[in-house]
Amino acid sequence: MSSSIADQSVLTECHLEALKRELGFREQIATFLVQTDLVGHVQQVCAEFYRQYLAEHRDRDLLLKPLIVRLPLQYESLAKFDPSLLPTIIEAPIYFEQALQEVVLSVVNAHFAQLEPVEQQQQQQPSPVITVRLQQIYCRIRLQLPPRECYLFRAQPQNVNTGLTVFRCVVQGYSSLQKYILHSVWVCPDYPAAHLAITGEIRRAPKCEECGNETVLQENLRIRTVGDYYSVRAFSADAFRTPVQVGRIHQSISVRLADDLCVPVRLGHEYVITGVFNPPNLLFNAWAIEEV
């Protein structure tokens, strides 16, 4: 019995320590956003979101649209701010994205909480309190790492880095400009208060989990938001600098350049692309691109 209580005590302490680390990391991100004035970028997006809402005569459907925040991070600023923040971003970029999304959500809702009373007085009309959900926040992180040896992406199957890396590559080919669904909102016809926001495309309409009837949800097409992307095939630049070996095949990598990174690339030209490699899809998602 005493052993069981001791085990539970150890688990509780571990959970508390983990929670403290999570909260500390988010506070660290929030402080960085304030000190680098990136909070101003978030507030500008909030102001535009609210302006469009007022321009459309306070259409409540518009409150379900996404808030897309572009955050240009500077390597030098991150390195000077805190010795632990930059390594965490490099080692666990997906974890950083998730934490950043939560921090931005808190900034957004705090901004709307302060903005609403002022706007309500100006309009002299009852105005709903805007509360944004986590699924509506999209952070486009733009960070270019220096092309140092320790950051370089290696395409060998046995040595794939899934952290944030730099891919020095030569363009082999690229697609035409493609479209993708960034954000869609689905509504239950039997229970209109139920909304489901989905990131990306889905194969079939989801069912409602709140009405109790498993009713098939219907998409609100007015809220659908699409984005642009290029699909680029590229070889590692090292493949063109090393002696050719008989029977050796250099693997090409598929790179995704999305939204504001949809820049025209040129065949045979060398680029330095910072991003995250997704092994299951064999896809390198770009955070930044620069021609050499």
Foldseek 3Di string as FASTA:
>chain_A
DVVVVVVVVVVVVVVVVVVVVLVVLLVLVLVLCVVVVVLVQLLVLLVVLVVVCVVVVNDVVSLQAAREGEDEDEPVSQVVSDVPNVVCCQQPVVVVQLSVLVSSLVSSLVSQVVVVVVVCVVVVDDDDRRHYDSLRYHYQYAYADDQDPVQAADPDPVDGRQGKHKFKWAFADKDDKDKWWAKWWWAAPVHRVDIDIDGTDDDAFFFDPPPPPRGGTDIPVVRTDMWIKMKIKIFGPVVVVDDDDPPDDTDIAIEIQIHPRRDDDDHGFIKIFIAGADVVVSYTYGSYMDTD
